[in-house]
Protein backbone atom coordinates (compact mmCIF):
# COMPACT_ATOMS: atom_id res chain seq x y z
CA MET A 1 -11.78 -24.40 5.27
CA ALA A 2 -10.22 -22.28 2.86
CA LEU A 3 -7.22 -20.24 4.22
CA ILE A 4 -9.57 -16.93 4.23
CA ASP A 5 -11.57 -18.23 6.53
CA THR A 6 -8.58 -18.75 8.87
CA THR A 7 -7.14 -15.34 8.37
CA GLU A 8 -7.04 -12.20 10.83
CA ILE A 9 -5.79 -8.87 9.62
CA ARG A 10 -4.88 -6.20 12.07
CA GLN A 11 -4.42 -3.19 11.06
CA PHE A 12 -2.86 -0.23 13.68
CA THR A 13 -1.24 3.66 13.48
CA CYS A 14 2.21 4.08 14.22
CA LEU A 15 3.96 6.95 14.17
CA ASN A 16 2.06 9.98 13.38
CA ASP A 17 0.37 8.42 10.18
CA ASN A 18 1.97 5.27 9.20
CA TYR A 19 -0.08 2.06 9.55
CA GLY A 20 1.17 -1.16 10.59
CA VAL A 21 0.05 -4.75 9.09
CA LEU A 22 -0.39 -8.03 10.91
CA ILE A 23 -1.68 -10.64 8.74
CA HIS A 24 -2.35 -14.19 11.39
CA ASP A 25 -3.52 -17.64 10.27
CA ARG A 26 -5.45 -19.42 13.14
CA LYS A 27 -4.64 -22.39 12.20
CA SER A 28 -1.18 -22.72 11.17
CA GLY A 29 0.14 -19.65 13.52
CA THR A 30 1.70 -17.90 10.79
CA THR A 31 1.77 -14.56 11.51
CA ILE A 32 3.19 -11.82 9.44
CA ALA A 33 3.92 -8.26 9.83
CA ILE A 34 4.33 -5.63 6.24
CA ASP A 35 6.93 -2.77 7.40
CA VAL A 36 8.23 -1.51 10.69
CA PRO A 37 7.83 1.83 11.33
CA ASP A 38 8.02 1.47 14.94
CA ALA A 39 8.72 -1.77 16.89
CA ASP A 40 6.98 -0.93 20.25
CA ALA A 41 3.59 -0.36 18.29
CA TYR A 42 4.40 -4.69 17.00
CA SER A 43 5.25 -5.72 19.96
CA ASN A 44 1.91 -4.49 21.72
CA VAL A 45 -0.82 -5.81 19.24
CA LEU A 46 1.37 -9.22 19.34
CA LYS A 47 1.16 -9.22 22.98
CA GLU A 48 -2.35 -8.35 22.88
CA THR A 49 -3.30 -11.00 20.46
CA GLY A 50 -0.56 -13.61 21.71
CA TRP A 51 0.69 -14.36 18.36
CA SER A 52 3.85 -15.40 17.60
CA LEU A 53 5.80 -13.41 14.43
CA SER A 54 7.08 -15.37 11.96
CA HIS A 55 7.83 -12.94 9.05
CA ILE A 56 8.70 -9.49 8.18
CA LEU A 57 7.94 -8.39 4.28
CA ILE A 58 9.14 -4.85 3.93
CA THR A 59 8.48 -2.76 0.87
CA HIS A 60 10.75 0.17 0.32
CA HIS A 61 14.10 1.40 2.44
CA HIS A 62 12.29 4.80 3.64
CA TRP A 63 13.22 5.34 7.50
CA ASP A 64 9.57 5.36 8.55
CA HIS A 65 8.66 1.89 7.10
CA VAL A 66 12.15 0.10 8.93
CA GLN A 67 12.73 2.24 11.57
CA GLY A 68 11.52 -0.57 14.03
CA LEU A 69 12.80 -3.19 11.78
CA GLY A 70 16.15 -4.45 13.64
CA ALA A 71 14.75 -4.71 16.79
CA LEU A 72 11.23 -6.14 15.73
CA LYS A 73 13.71 -8.94 14.37
CA THR A 74 15.91 -9.46 17.58
CA GLN A 75 12.54 -10.10 19.80
CA THR A 76 10.76 -12.34 17.69
CA GLY A 77 13.65 -14.00 15.52
CA ALA A 78 10.94 -13.55 12.64
CA THR A 79 12.79 -14.11 8.55
CA VAL A 80 12.61 -11.06 7.09
CA ILE A 81 12.07 -10.49 3.51
CA GLY A 82 12.71 -7.62 1.01
CA PRO A 83 13.30 -6.24 -2.36
CA GLU A 84 16.51 -7.07 -3.73
CA ARG A 85 17.27 -3.24 -4.73
CA SER A 86 17.15 -3.07 -0.41
CA ARG A 87 20.01 -5.00 -0.15
CA GLN A 88 22.61 -2.39 0.64
CA GLN A 89 20.25 -0.15 2.50
CA ILE A 90 18.65 -2.74 4.94
CA SER A 91 20.84 -5.15 6.72
CA GLU A 92 18.15 -7.10 8.77
CA LEU A 93 17.43 -8.78 5.15
CA GLU A 94 17.47 -12.39 5.09
CA GLN A 95 16.14 -12.98 1.69
CA THR A 96 14.97 -10.90 -1.38
CA VAL A 97 13.03 -10.87 -3.94
CA GLU A 98 12.70 -9.33 -7.78
CA ASP A 99 9.46 -8.50 -9.78
CA GLY A 100 7.49 -11.89 -10.25
CA ASP A 101 8.74 -14.02 -7.46
CA ASP A 102 6.87 -15.75 -5.01
CA VAL A 103 7.47 -16.57 -1.55
CA MET A 104 6.35 -18.64 0.98
CA CYS A 105 5.17 -17.79 4.79
CA GLY A 106 3.04 -20.56 6.02
CA PRO A 107 0.19 -21.16 4.18
CA TYR A 108 0.68 -18.37 2.41
CA GLU A 109 1.62 -17.65 -1.21
CA ILE A 110 2.74 -13.88 -1.77
CA LYS A 111 3.76 -12.99 -5.02
CA ALA A 112 6.37 -9.42 -5.16
CA VAL A 113 5.61 -7.09 -7.83
CA ALA A 114 8.08 -4.58 -8.44
CA THR A 115 6.13 -0.95 -8.31
CA PRO A 116 9.05 1.65 -8.58
CA GLY A 117 8.60 5.12 -8.65
CA HIS A 118 7.90 6.54 -5.28
CA THR A 119 11.77 4.98 -4.39
CA LEU A 120 13.68 2.25 -6.70
CA ASP A 121 13.19 -0.81 -4.69
CA GLN A 122 9.73 -0.81 -3.65
CA ILE A 123 7.87 -3.64 -3.61
CA SER A 124 3.55 -4.26 -3.47
CA TRP A 125 2.78 -7.64 -2.20
CA PHE A 126 -0.50 -9.74 -3.16
CA ILE A 127 -1.46 -12.27 -1.32
CA PRO A 128 -4.16 -13.82 -3.62
CA SER A 129 -5.38 -16.34 -1.67
CA ILE A 130 -7.11 -14.21 0.99
CA LYS A 131 -7.34 -11.41 -1.87
CA MET A 132 -5.30 -8.58 -0.01
CA ALA A 133 -2.44 -6.73 -1.31
CA HIS A 134 0.20 -4.20 0.57
CA THR A 135 1.03 -1.42 -1.87
CA GLY A 136 3.26 0.52 0.35
CA ASP A 137 3.86 3.74 -0.72
CA THR A 138 2.95 3.17 -3.97
CA LEU A 139 -0.75 3.30 -4.07
CA PHE A 140 -2.80 5.21 -1.48
CA SER A 141 -6.15 5.35 -1.21
CA LEU A 142 -7.45 8.22 -3.38
CA GLY A 143 -3.95 9.06 -4.08
CA CYS A 144 -0.15 7.43 -4.35
CA GLY A 145 3.07 8.43 -3.11
CA ARG A 146 5.60 11.40 -3.62
CA VAL A 147 7.70 10.42 -6.98
CA PHE A 148 11.26 10.44 -5.17
CA GLU A 149 13.43 8.24 -7.04
CA GLY A 150 12.01 7.56 -10.11
CA ASP A 151 10.54 9.73 -12.39
CA MET A 152 6.35 10.37 -13.36
CA GLU A 153 6.50 7.79 -16.33
CA MET A 154 7.89 5.23 -13.92
CA MET A 155 5.32 5.97 -11.20
CA TRP A 156 2.47 6.11 -13.74
CA SER A 157 3.82 2.56 -15.13
CA SER A 158 3.32 1.04 -11.45
CA LEU A 159 0.04 2.17 -11.19
CA GLU A 160 -1.05 0.77 -14.17
CA LYS A 161 0.55 -2.21 -13.20
CA LEU A 162 -1.27 -2.81 -10.04
CA ALA A 163 -4.60 -2.00 -11.66
CA HIS A 164 -3.90 -4.99 -13.84
CA HIS A 165 -2.80 -7.20 -11.37
CA LEU A 166 -4.66 -7.09 -8.73
CA PRO A 167 -8.62 -8.60 -9.24
CA ASP A 168 -10.81 -5.59 -8.21
CA ASP A 169 -12.02 -7.13 -4.87
CA THR A 170 -8.65 -7.34 -3.64
CA GLU A 171 -8.32 -5.46 -0.33
CA ILE A 172 -5.39 -3.21 -0.60
CA TYR A 173 -3.45 -1.79 2.67
CA CYS A 174 -0.77 0.72 2.26
CA GLY A 175 1.77 2.95 4.40
CA HIS A 176 -0.53 6.29 4.91
CA GLU A 177 -3.60 7.68 6.56
CA TYR A 178 -3.44 10.16 3.96
CA THR A 179 -7.11 9.71 2.72
CA GLU A 180 -9.12 12.76 3.62
CA SER A 181 -6.51 15.30 2.41
CA ASN A 182 -6.65 13.00 -0.80
CA ALA A 183 -10.21 13.25 -1.40
CA ALA A 184 -10.16 16.58 -0.89
CA PHE A 185 -7.72 17.06 -3.76
CA ALA A 186 -9.24 14.42 -5.59
CA LEU A 187 -12.58 16.48 -5.79
CA THR A 188 -10.45 19.22 -7.40
CA ILE A 189 -9.32 17.27 -10.50
CA GLU A 190 -12.87 15.01 -10.74
CA PRO A 191 -15.71 17.36 -9.36
CA ASP A 192 -18.74 15.72 -11.07
CA ASN A 193 -17.86 11.96 -10.30
CA GLU A 194 -20.19 10.84 -8.34
CA ALA A 195 -18.28 7.52 -7.15
CA LEU A 196 -15.50 10.15 -5.71
CA GLN A 197 -18.00 12.58 -4.17
CA ALA A 198 -19.90 9.76 -2.26
CA ARG A 199 -16.68 8.28 -1.17
CA ALA A 200 -15.08 11.99 0.35
CA LYS A 201 -18.71 12.03 2.05
CA GLU A 202 -18.03 8.31 3.41
CA VAL A 203 -14.15 8.96 4.37
CA ALA A 204 -15.33 12.04 6.17
CA ALA A 205 -17.66 10.35 8.55
CA LEU A 206 -15.47 7.44 9.05
CA ARG A 207 -12.31 9.84 9.91
CA ALA A 208 -14.97 12.27 11.87
CA ALA A 209 -15.33 8.96 14.04
CA GLY A 210 -12.07 8.20 14.36
CA LYS A 211 -12.16 5.16 12.37
CA PRO A 212 -9.33 4.74 9.29
CA ALA A 213 -10.29 4.74 6.25
CA LEU A 214 -8.58 1.84 4.71
CA PRO A 215 -8.65 -0.50 3.24
CA THR A 216 -10.36 0.63 0.55
CA THR A 217 -10.38 -2.21 -2.74
CA MET A 218 -9.36 -2.01 -6.15
CA ALA A 219 -12.60 -1.31 -8.01
CA GLN A 220 -12.92 1.03 -5.28
CA GLU A 221 -9.83 2.92 -6.64
CA LYS A 222 -10.16 2.46 -10.41
CA ALA A 223 -13.26 4.41 -9.91
CA THR A 224 -12.66 7.31 -7.42
CA ASN A 225 -8.70 7.80 -7.40
CA PRO A 226 -7.75 10.31 -10.21
CA PHE A 227 -4.03 9.14 -10.41
CA LEU A 228 -5.18 6.09 -11.08
CA ARG A 229 -8.04 7.27 -13.84
CA ALA A 230 -5.15 9.07 -15.41
CA ALA A 231 -6.48 7.33 -18.86
CA ALA A 232 -9.78 8.44 -18.24
CA PRO A 233 -11.22 10.88 -21.10
CA SER A 234 -13.16 12.68 -18.27
CA VAL A 235 -9.82 13.12 -16.46
CA ALA A 236 -7.76 14.72 -18.72
CA ASP A 237 -11.30 17.01 -20.13
CA SER A 238 -11.16 18.38 -16.87
CA LEU A 239 -7.64 19.17 -17.16
CA GLY A 240 -7.97 20.89 -19.77
CA MET A 241 -5.75 17.71 -21.63
CA ARG A 242 -7.83 15.90 -24.34
CA GLY A 243 -5.73 13.79 -26.37
CA ALA A 244 -3.14 13.87 -23.91
CA GLY A 245 -1.11 10.55 -23.08
CA ALA A 246 -2.41 9.12 -20.13
CA ALA A 247 1.43 9.28 -18.19
CA GLU A 248 1.38 13.00 -19.10
CA VAL A 249 -1.73 13.40 -17.26
CA PHE A 250 -0.70 11.47 -14.45
CA ALA A 251 2.37 13.75 -14.42
CA GLU A 252 -0.20 17.05 -14.52
CA ILE A 253 -2.41 15.67 -11.57
CA ARG A 254 0.43 14.81 -9.73
CA THR A 255 2.65 17.76 -9.83
CA ARG A 256 -0.84 19.80 -9.24
CA LYS A 257 -1.05 17.98 -5.53
CA ASP A 258 3.26 18.03 -4.83
CA ASN A 259 2.16 22.17 -5.15
CA ALA A 260 -1.41 22.49 -3.55
């Protein structure tokens, strides 16, 4: 039986608009957490499911992704893995990774993809065997993270990298539920994008029903996410930037979103 057939993924809310994610293999018992915004939220799901946490993967050092890490590690004894560039900021790290490294968590071979821009230490985690990735605060559904520690060109390069590395059928999980507000903004950039119009309606219906708008897929993001589509001539045209480079178009979109 393929690993994808024995895997269960649980996504749940933490804090205000963060998501927690647990990946569990029924055959081996391996359970992986990605980021720990709140230890109690994870503990509650682990208690509900009866799963034993074995590994914790960290995407970056921001408090709303790691503030529950110490408590959850103490409670579970799970092995903590994160970016080498976070070593001085996250004391709980036991194993660190650089761009392109592979780590084994039970039966899962997990690829570390450096995607700096939001922060310099940001790592996105890709698990090819189950067609799943967690992009932290780099790529959101219909959006991307603010550029805090890097620069616009760095962030655009990271988004390009994800679009290149992740197959279209990859399910994308991320750190926050910003999809509905992202959809409203995206429509100001590409109001005539029919795929985006349909996605915005779908997101509105999901959120009205109290359901998450995540995960998304790489194919869906390529078709609808203006930040990921900065190289598309139609996006440049809509901004009055015909002939501009993709990084320049991206910077304009990100600046508009920052000021919205």
